[in-house]
Amino acid sequence: MSKPQDRTVSRRDDGTWQNKRQDAERASSVHTTQAEAQEAARRMLGNQGGGELTTMGVKGKIVSKDTIKPGNDPHPPRDTEH
């Protein structure tokens, strides 16, 4: 279940990438690359006490999910994706 502070990185119609809180209508930040948007989302989640970061690909499908500390994931991933 998603929490209000969970974030999603997705591509906008103009080709930029947005970092957006799950319960928000507007983006928290907009970036030229997906990596910049992910880094901003990780930083914001870390400052807010942790949570889930979902990254959407160019075609709008989920390409990555990551728990940002100090989030409490009952089933932590075994991979080392960053």
PDB file of N, CA and C in Angstrom:
ATOM      1  N   MET A   1       0.843  -1.181   0.000  1.00  0.00           N
ATOM      2  CA  MET A   1       0.000   0.000   0.000  1.00  0.00           C
ATOM      3  C   MET A   1       0.886   1.242   0.000  1.00  0.00           C
ATOM      4  N   SER A   2       0.548   2.171  -0.839  1.00  0.00           N
ATOM      5  CA  SER A   2       1.381   3.368  -0.926  1.00  0.00           C
ATOM      6  C   SER A   2       1.049   4.357   0.187  1.00  0.00           C
ATOM      7  N   LYS A   3       2.087   5.054   0.619  1.00  0.00           N
ATOM      8  CA  LYS A   3       1.933   6.103   1.627  1.00  0.00           C
ATOM      9  C   LYS A   3       1.999   7.447   0.916  1.00  0.00           C
ATOM     10  N   PRO A   4       1.475   8.483   1.529  1.00  0.00           N
ATOM     11  CA  PRO A   4       1.478   9.797   0.875  1.00  0.00           C
ATOM     12  C   PRO A   4       2.857  10.277   0.453  1.00  0.00           C
ATOM     13  N   GLN A   5       3.905   9.909   1.195  1.00  0.00           N
ATOM     14  CA  GLN A   5       5.226  10.423   0.829  1.00  0.00           C
ATOM     15  C   GLN A   5       5.894   9.596  -0.275  1.00  0.00           C
ATOM     16  N   ASP A   6       5.329   8.458  -0.687  1.00  0.00           N
ATOM     17  CA  ASP A   6       5.907   7.673  -1.769  1.00  0.00           C
ATOM     18  C   ASP A   6       5.965   8.512  -3.039  1.00  0.00           C
ATOM     19  N   ARG A   7       6.982   8.271  -3.871  1.00  0.00           N
ATOM     20  CA  ARG A   7       7.211   9.102  -5.046  1.00  0.00           C
ATOM     21  C   ARG A   7       7.291   8.278  -6.316  1.00  0.00           C
ATOM     22  N   THR A   8       6.934   8.927  -7.428  1.00  0.00           N
ATOM     23  CA  THR A   8       7.015   8.317  -8.751  1.00  0.00           C
ATOM     24  C   THR A   8       7.795   9.237  -9.671  1.00  0.00           C
ATOM     25  N   VAL A   9       8.711   8.638 -10.433  1.00  0.00           N
ATOM     26  CA  VAL A   9       9.445   9.364 -11.476  1.00  0.00           C
ATOM     27  C   VAL A   9       8.860   8.901 -12.803  1.00  0.00           C
ATOM     28  N   SER A  10       8.397   9.845 -13.603  1.00  0.00           N
ATOM     29  CA  SER A  10       7.804   9.503 -14.894  1.00  0.00           C
ATOM     30  C   SER A  10       8.105  10.584 -15.928  1.00  0.00           C
ATOM     31  N   ARG A  11       7.936  10.203 -17.191  1.00  0.00           N
ATOM     32  CA  ARG A  11       8.199  11.130 -18.288  1.00  0.00           C
ATOM     33  C   ARG A  11       6.967  11.979 -18.565  1.00  0.00           C
ATOM     34  N   ARG A  12       7.199  13.249 -18.844  1.00  0.00           N
ATOM     35  CA  ARG A  12       6.113  14.177 -19.175  1.00  0.00           C
ATOM     36  C   ARG A  12       5.966  14.270 -20.690  1.00  0.00           C
ATOM     37  N   ASP A  13       4.875  14.857 -21.129  1.00  0.00           N
ATOM     38  CA  ASP A  13       4.608  14.988 -22.561  1.00  0.00           C
ATOM     39  C   ASP A  13       5.673  15.792 -23.292  1.00  0.00           C
ATOM     40  N   ASP A  14       6.328  16.731 -22.600  1.00  0.00           N
ATOM     41  CA  ASP A  14       7.343  17.563 -23.252  1.00  0.00           C
ATOM     42  C   ASP A  14       8.729  16.914 -23.269  1.00  0.00           C
ATOM     43  N   GLY A  15       8.841  15.659 -22.796  1.00  0.00           N
ATOM     44  CA  GLY A  15      10.106  14.929 -22.823  1.00  0.00           C
ATOM     45  C   GLY A  15      10.950  15.068 -21.574  1.00  0.00           C
ATOM     46  N   THR A  16      10.537  15.907 -20.636  1.00  0.00           N
ATOM     47  CA  THR A  16      11.262  16.027 -19.375  1.00  0.00           C
ATOM     48  C   THR A  16      10.762  14.955 -18.403  1.00  0.00           C
ATOM     49  N   TRP A  17      11.458  14.831 -17.290  1.00  0.00           N
ATOM     50  CA  TRP A  17      11.115  13.824 -16.275  1.00  0.00           C
ATOM     51  C   TRP A  17      10.671  14.526 -15.008  1.00  0.00           C
ATOM     52  N   GLN A  18       9.601  14.009 -14.403  1.00  0.00           N
ATOM     53  CA  GLN A  18       9.074  14.618 -13.185  1.00  0.00           C
ATOM     54  C   GLN A  18       9.235  13.691 -11.988  1.00  0.00           C
ATOM     55  N   ASN A  19       9.446  14.308 -10.850  1.00  0.00           N
ATOM     56  CA  ASN A  19       9.491  13.656  -9.556  1.00  0.00           C
ATOM     57  C   ASN A  19       8.226  14.121  -8.846  1.00  0.00           C
ATOM     58  N   LYS A  20       7.319  13.188  -8.566  1.00  0.00           N
ATOM     59  CA  LYS A  20       6.016  13.573  -8.053  1.00  0.00           C
ATOM     60  C   LYS A  20       5.615  12.694  -6.871  1.00  0.00           C
ATOM     61  N   ARG A  21       5.088  13.327  -5.832  1.00  0.00           N
ATOM     62  CA  ARG A  21       4.544  12.578  -4.703  1.00  0.00           C
ATOM     63  C   ARG A  21       3.280  11.867  -5.160  1.00  0.00           C
ATOM     64  N   GLN A  22       3.005  10.671  -4.635  1.00  0.00           N
ATOM     65  CA  GLN A  22       1.881   9.866  -5.092  1.00  0.00           C
ATOM     66  C   GLN A  22       0.535  10.566  -4.938  1.00  0.00           C
ATOM     67  N   ASP A  23       0.367  11.376  -3.914  1.00  0.00           N
ATOM     68  CA  ASP A  23      -0.933  12.014  -3.673  1.00  0.00           C
ATOM     69  C   ASP A  23      -1.014  13.437  -4.235  1.00  0.00           C
ATOM     70  N   ALA A  24      -0.017  13.858  -5.008  1.00  0.00           N
ATOM     71  CA  ALA A  24       0.034  15.233  -5.508  1.00  0.00           C
ATOM     72  C   ALA A  24      -0.457  15.314  -6.954  1.00  0.00           C
ATOM     73  N   GLU A  25      -0.998  16.471  -7.304  1.00  0.00           N
ATOM     74  CA  GLU A  25      -1.393  16.712  -8.685  1.00  0.00           C
ATOM     75  C   GLU A  25      -0.237  17.286  -9.504  1.00  0.00           C
ATOM     76  N   ARG A  26       0.599  18.121  -8.848  1.00  0.00           N
ATOM     77  CA  ARG A  26       1.722  18.757  -9.535  1.00  0.00           C
ATOM     78  C   ARG A  26       3.034  18.075  -9.153  1.00  0.00           C
ATOM     79  N   ALA A  27       3.985  18.162 -10.058  1.00  0.00           N
ATOM     80  CA  ALA A  27       5.308  17.591  -9.812  1.00  0.00           C
ATOM     81  C   ALA A  27       6.061  18.402  -8.762  1.00  0.00           C
ATOM     82  N   SER A  28       6.841  17.712  -7.933  1.00  0.00           N
ATOM     83  CA  SER A  28       7.696  18.388  -6.958  1.00  0.00           C
ATOM     84  C   SER A  28       8.893  19.014  -7.648  1.00  0.00           C
ATOM     85  N   SER A  29       9.395  18.324  -8.685  1.00  0.00           N
ATOM     86  CA  SER A  29      10.517  18.860  -9.457  1.00  0.00           C
ATOM     87  C   SER A  29      10.488  18.264 -10.860  1.00  0.00           C
ATOM     88  N   VAL A  30      11.085  18.988 -11.809  1.00  0.00           N
ATOM     89  CA  VAL A  30      11.147  18.559 -13.207  1.00  0.00           C
ATOM     90  C   VAL A  30      12.608  18.591 -13.635  1.00  0.00           C
ATOM     91  N   HIS A  31      13.040  17.548 -14.376  1.00  0.00           N
ATOM     92  CA  HIS A  31      14.454  17.394 -14.733  1.00  0.00           C
ATOM     93  C   HIS A  31      14.592  17.001 -16.200  1.00  0.00           C
ATOM     94  N   THR A  32      15.771  17.226 -16.750  1.00  0.00           N
ATOM     95  CA  THR A  32      16.013  16.882 -18.146  1.00  0.00           C
ATOM     96  C   THR A  32      16.288  15.394 -18.332  1.00  0.00           C
ATOM     97  N   THR A  33      16.782  14.706 -17.301  1.00  0.00           N
ATOM     98  CA  THR A  33      17.059  13.274 -17.414  1.00  0.00           C
ATOM     99  C   THR A  33      16.335  12.493 -16.320  1.00  0.00           C
ATOM    100  N   GLN A  34      16.121  11.223 -16.602  1.00  0.00           N
ATOM    101  CA  GLN A  34      15.483  10.337 -15.642  1.00  0.00           C
ATOM    102  C   GLN A  34      16.363  10.179 -14.393  1.00  0.00           C
ATOM    103  N   ALA A  35      17.668  10.084 -14.583  1.00  0.00           N
ATOM    104  CA  ALA A  35      18.590   9.913 -13.457  1.00  0.00           C
ATOM    105  C   ALA A  35      18.539  11.105 -12.502  1.00  0.00           C
ATOM    106  N   GLU A  36      18.448  12.313 -13.039  1.00  0.00           N
ATOM    107  CA  GLU A  36      18.348  13.504 -12.184  1.00  0.00           C
ATOM    108  C   GLU A  36      17.057  13.483 -11.373  1.00  0.00           C
ATOM    109  N   ALA A  37      15.957  13.070 -12.004  1.00  0.00           N
ATOM    110  CA  ALA A  37      14.669  13.000 -11.311  1.00  0.00           C
ATOM    111  C   ALA A  37      14.701  11.930 -10.215  1.00  0.00           C
ATOM    112  N   GLN A  38      15.334  10.801 -10.497  1.00  0.00           N
ATOM    113  CA  GLN A  38      15.452   9.734  -9.492  1.00  0.00           C
ATOM    114  C   GLN A  38      16.274  10.201  -8.296  1.00  0.00           C
ATOM    115  N   GLU A  39      17.369  10.876  -8.553  1.00  0.00           N
ATOM    116  CA  GLU A  39      18.222  11.366  -7.464  1.00  0.00           C
ATOM    117  C   GLU A  39      17.466  12.357  -6.590  1.00  0.00           C
ATOM    118  N   ALA A  40      16.711  13.254  -7.201  1.00  0.00           N
ATOM    119  CA  ALA A  40      15.915  14.223  -6.442  1.00  0.00           C
ATOM    120  C   ALA A  40      14.865  13.505  -5.600  1.00  0.00           C
ATOM    121  N   ALA A  41      14.217  12.503  -6.178  1.00  0.00           N
ATOM    122  CA  ALA A  41      13.193  11.747  -5.448  1.00  0.00           C
ATOM    123  C   ALA A  41      13.812  10.989  -4.273  1.00  0.00           C
ATOM    124  N   ARG A  42      14.978  10.379  -4.484  1.00  0.00           N
ATOM    125  CA  ARG A  42      15.666   9.660  -3.392  1.00  0.00           C
ATOM    126  C   ARG A  42      16.011  10.619  -2.249  1.00  0.00           C
ATOM    127  N   ARG A  43      16.525  11.784  -2.613  1.00  0.00           N
ATOM    128  CA  ARG A  43      16.904  12.779  -1.608  1.00  0.00           C
ATOM    129  C   ARG A  43      15.668  13.227  -0.808  1.00  0.00           C
ATOM    130  N   MET A  44      14.572  13.505  -1.508  1.00  0.00           N
ATOM    131  CA  MET A  44      13.349  13.938  -0.824  1.00  0.00           C
ATOM    132  C   MET A  44      12.786  12.838   0.075  1.00  0.00           C
ATOM    133  N   LEU A  45      12.788  11.598  -0.399  1.00  0.00           N
ATOM    134  CA  LEU A  45      12.288  10.496   0.422  1.00  0.00           C
ATOM    135  C   LEU A  45      13.147  10.301   1.662  1.00  0.00           C
ATOM    136  N   GLY A  46      14.458  10.400   1.503  1.00  0.00           N
ATOM    137  CA  GLY A  46      15.355  10.270   2.655  1.00  0.00           C
ATOM    138  C   GLY A  46      15.094  11.341   3.696  1.00  0.00           C
ATOM    139  N   ASN A  47      14.829  12.559   3.245  1.00  0.00           N
ATOM    140  CA  ASN A  47      14.548  13.665   4.159  1.00  0.00           C
ATOM    141  C   ASN A  47      13.185  13.536   4.831  1.00  0.00           C
ATOM    142  N   GLN A  48      12.260  12.817   4.193  1.00  0.00           N
ATOM    143  CA  GLN A  48      10.901  12.678   4.716  1.00  0.00           C
ATOM    144  C   GLN A  48      10.705  11.408   5.535  1.00  0.00           C
ATOM    145  N   GLY A  49      11.761  10.662   5.777  1.00  0.00           N
ATOM    146  CA  GLY A  49      11.634   9.468   6.600  1.00  0.00           C
ATOM    147  C   GLY A  49      11.541   8.176   5.814  1.00  0.00           C
ATOM    148  N   GLY A  50      11.836   8.209   4.520  1.00  0.00           N
ATOM    149  CA  GLY A  50      11.848   6.999   3.713  1.00  0.00           C
ATOM    150  C   GLY A  50      10.529   6.735   3.025  1.00  0.00           C
ATOM    151  N   GLY A  51      10.546   5.761   2.137  1.00  0.00           N
ATOM    152  CA  GLY A  51       9.353   5.376   1.401  1.00  0.00           C
ATOM    153  C   GLY A  51       9.715   4.644   0.124  1.00  0.00           C
ATOM    154  N   GLU A  52       8.732   4.469  -0.743  1.00  0.00           N
ATOM    155  CA  GLU A  52       8.911   3.746  -1.995  1.00  0.00           C
ATOM    156  C   GLU A  52       9.122   4.709  -3.159  1.00  0.00           C
ATOM    157  N   LEU A  53      10.079   4.380  -4.008  1.00  0.00           N
ATOM    158  CA  LEU A  53      10.330   5.133  -5.238  1.00  0.00           C
ATOM    159  C   LEU A  53       9.994   4.222  -6.413  1.00  0.00           C
ATOM    160  N   THR A  54       9.038   4.639  -7.221  1.00  0.00           N
ATOM    161  CA  THR A  54       8.646   3.894  -8.416  1.00  0.00           C
ATOM    162  C   THR A  54       9.098   4.692  -9.628  1.00  0.00           C
ATOM    163  N   THR A  55       9.813   4.027 -10.538  1.00  0.00           N
ATOM    164  CA  THR A  55      10.293   4.681 -11.749  1.00  0.00           C
ATOM    165  C   THR A  55       9.571   4.089 -12.950  1.00  0.00           C
ATOM    166  N   MET A  56       8.983   4.973 -13.734  1.00  0.00           N
ATOM    167  CA  MET A  56       8.275   4.570 -14.948  1.00  0.00           C
ATOM    168  C   MET A  56       9.193   4.796 -16.143  1.00  0.00           C
ATOM    169  N   GLY A  57       9.110   3.926 -17.136  1.00  0.00           N
ATOM    170  CA  GLY A  57       9.911   4.059 -18.341  1.00  0.00           C
ATOM    171  C   GLY A  57       9.272   5.013 -19.339  1.00  0.00           C
ATOM    172  N   VAL A  58       9.887   5.129 -20.500  1.00  0.00           N
ATOM    173  CA  VAL A  58       9.422   6.028 -21.547  1.00  0.00           C
ATOM    174  C   VAL A  58       7.998   5.666 -21.985  1.00  0.00           C
ATOM    175  N   LYS A  59       7.669   4.382 -22.000  1.00  0.00           N
ATOM    176  CA  LYS A  59       6.347   3.943 -22.449  1.00  0.00           C
ATOM    177  C   LYS A  59       5.322   3.885 -21.321  1.00  0.00           C
ATOM    178  N   GLY A  60       5.681   4.351 -20.132  1.00  0.00           N
ATOM    179  CA  GLY A  60       4.738   4.430 -19.026  1.00  0.00           C
ATOM    180  C   GLY A  60       4.607   3.185 -18.178  1.00  0.00           C
ATOM    181  N   LYS A  61       5.460   2.190 -18.393  1.00  0.00           N
ATOM    182  CA  LYS A  61       5.430   0.969 -17.589  1.00  0.00           C
ATOM    183  C   LYS A  61       6.466   1.065 -16.474  1.00  0.00           C
ATOM    184  N   ILE A  62       6.188   0.403 -15.350  1.00  0.00           N
ATOM    185  CA  ILE A  62       7.122   0.407 -14.224  1.00  0.00           C
ATOM    186  C   ILE A  62       8.389  -0.326 -14.630  1.00  0.00           C
ATOM    187  N   VAL A  63       9.525   0.347 -14.448  1.00  0.00           N
ATOM    188  CA  VAL A  63      10.814  -0.277 -14.748  1.00  0.00           C
ATOM    189  C   VAL A  63      11.617  -0.544 -13.483  1.00  0.00           C
ATOM    190  N   SER A  64      11.261   0.120 -12.376  1.00  0.00           N
ATOM    191  CA  SER A  64      12.028  -0.052 -11.149  1.00  0.00           C
ATOM    192  C   SER A  64      11.194   0.360  -9.946  1.00  0.00           C
ATOM    193  N   LYS A  65      11.362  -0.391  -8.846  1.00  0.00           N
ATOM    194  CA  LYS A  65      10.771  -0.022  -7.560  1.00  0.00           C
ATOM    195  C   LYS A  65      11.887  -0.156  -6.530  1.00  0.00           C
ATOM    196  N   ASP A  66      11.993   0.822  -5.662  1.00  0.00           N
ATOM    197  CA  ASP A  66      13.071   0.822  -4.690  1.00  0.00           C
ATOM    198  C   ASP A  66      12.571   1.381  -3.366  1.00  0.00           C
ATOM    199  N   THR A  67      12.980   0.751  -2.270  1.00  0.00           N
ATOM    200  CA  THR A  67      12.658   1.264  -0.947  1.00  0.00           C
ATOM    201  C   THR A  67      13.812   2.149  -0.490  1.00  0.00           C
ATOM    202  N   ILE A  68      13.496   3.378  -0.147  1.00  0.00           N
ATOM    203  CA  ILE A  68      14.506   4.333   0.283  1.00  0.00           C
ATOM    204  C   ILE A  68      14.498   4.367   1.807  1.00  0.00           C
ATOM    205  N   LYS A  69      15.667   4.191   2.414  1.00  0.00           N
ATOM    206  CA  LYS A  69      15.773   4.217   3.871  1.00  0.00           C
ATOM    207  C   LYS A  69      15.429   5.583   4.392  1.00  0.00           C
ATOM    208  N   PRO A  70      14.940   5.727   5.571  1.00  0.00           N
ATOM    209  CA  PRO A  70      14.698   4.710   6.573  1.00  0.00           C
ATOM    210  C   PRO A  70      13.354   4.016   6.451  1.00  0.00           C
ATOM    211  N   GLY A  71      12.870   3.801   5.247  1.00  0.00           N
ATOM    212  CA  GLY A  71      11.634   3.051   5.038  1.00  0.00           C
ATOM    213  C   GLY A  71      11.738   1.668   5.649  1.00  0.00           C
ATOM    214  N   ASN A  72      10.617   1.054   5.960  1.00  0.00           N
ATOM    215  CA  ASN A  72      10.597  -0.254   6.589  1.00  0.00           C
ATOM    216  C   ASN A  72       9.956  -1.241   5.625  1.00  0.00           C
ATOM    217  N   ASP A  73      10.779  -1.947   4.856  1.00  0.00           N
ATOM    218  CA  ASP A  73      10.289  -2.905   3.876  1.00  0.00           C
ATOM    219  C   ASP A  73      10.308  -4.298   4.502  1.00  0.00           C
ATOM    220  N   PRO A  74       9.145  -4.950   4.680  1.00  0.00           N
ATOM    221  CA  PRO A  74       9.119  -6.273   5.291  1.00  0.00           C
ATOM    222  C   PRO A  74       9.758  -7.342   4.412  1.00  0.00           C
ATOM    223  N   HIS A  75       9.877  -7.076   3.106  1.00  0.00           N
ATOM    224  CA  HIS A  75      10.501  -8.012   2.170  1.00  0.00           C
ATOM    225  C   HIS A  75      11.539  -7.262   1.339  1.00  0.00           C
ATOM    226  N   PRO A  76      12.708  -6.964   1.915  1.00  0.00           N
ATOM    227  CA  PRO A  76      13.700  -6.159   1.194  1.00  0.00           C
ATOM    228  C   PRO A  76      14.196  -6.880  -0.056  1.00  0.00           C
ATOM    229  N   PRO A  77      14.504  -6.134  -1.109  1.00  0.00           N
ATOM    230  CA  PRO A  77      14.986  -6.760  -2.341  1.00  0.00           C
ATOM    231  C   PRO A  77      16.379  -7.337  -2.151  1.00  0.00           C
ATOM    232  N   ARG A  78      16.661  -8.362  -2.934  1.00  0.00           N
ATOM    233  CA  ARG A  78      17.981  -8.984  -2.845  1.00  0.00           C
ATOM    234  C   ARG A  78      18.956  -8.395  -3.856  1.00  0.00           C
ATOM    235  N   ASP A  79      18.445  -7.603  -4.789  1.00  0.00           N
ATOM    236  CA  ASP A  79      19.324  -7.015  -5.796  1.00  0.00           C
ATOM    237  C   ASP A  79      20.034  -5.778  -5.240  1.00  0.00           C
ATOM    238  N   THR A  80      20.957  -5.262  -6.024  1.00  0.00           N
ATOM    239  CA  THR A  80      21.716  -4.085  -5.594  1.00  0.00           C
ATOM    240  C   THR A  80      21.432  -2.910  -6.516  1.00  0.00           C
ATOM    241  N   GLU A  81      20.215  -2.838  -7.035  1.00  0.00           N
ATOM    242  CA  GLU A  81      19.838  -1.781  -7.960  1.00  0.00           C
ATOM    243  C   GLU A  81      19.884  -0.414  -7.287  1.00  0.00           C
ATOM    244  N   HIS A  82      20.421   0.544  -7.999  1.00  0.00           N
ATOM    245  CA  HIS A  82      20.451   1.931  -7.508  1.00  0.00           C
ATOM    246  C   HIS A  82      20.237   2.832  -8.633  1.00  0.00           C
TER     247      HIS A  82
END
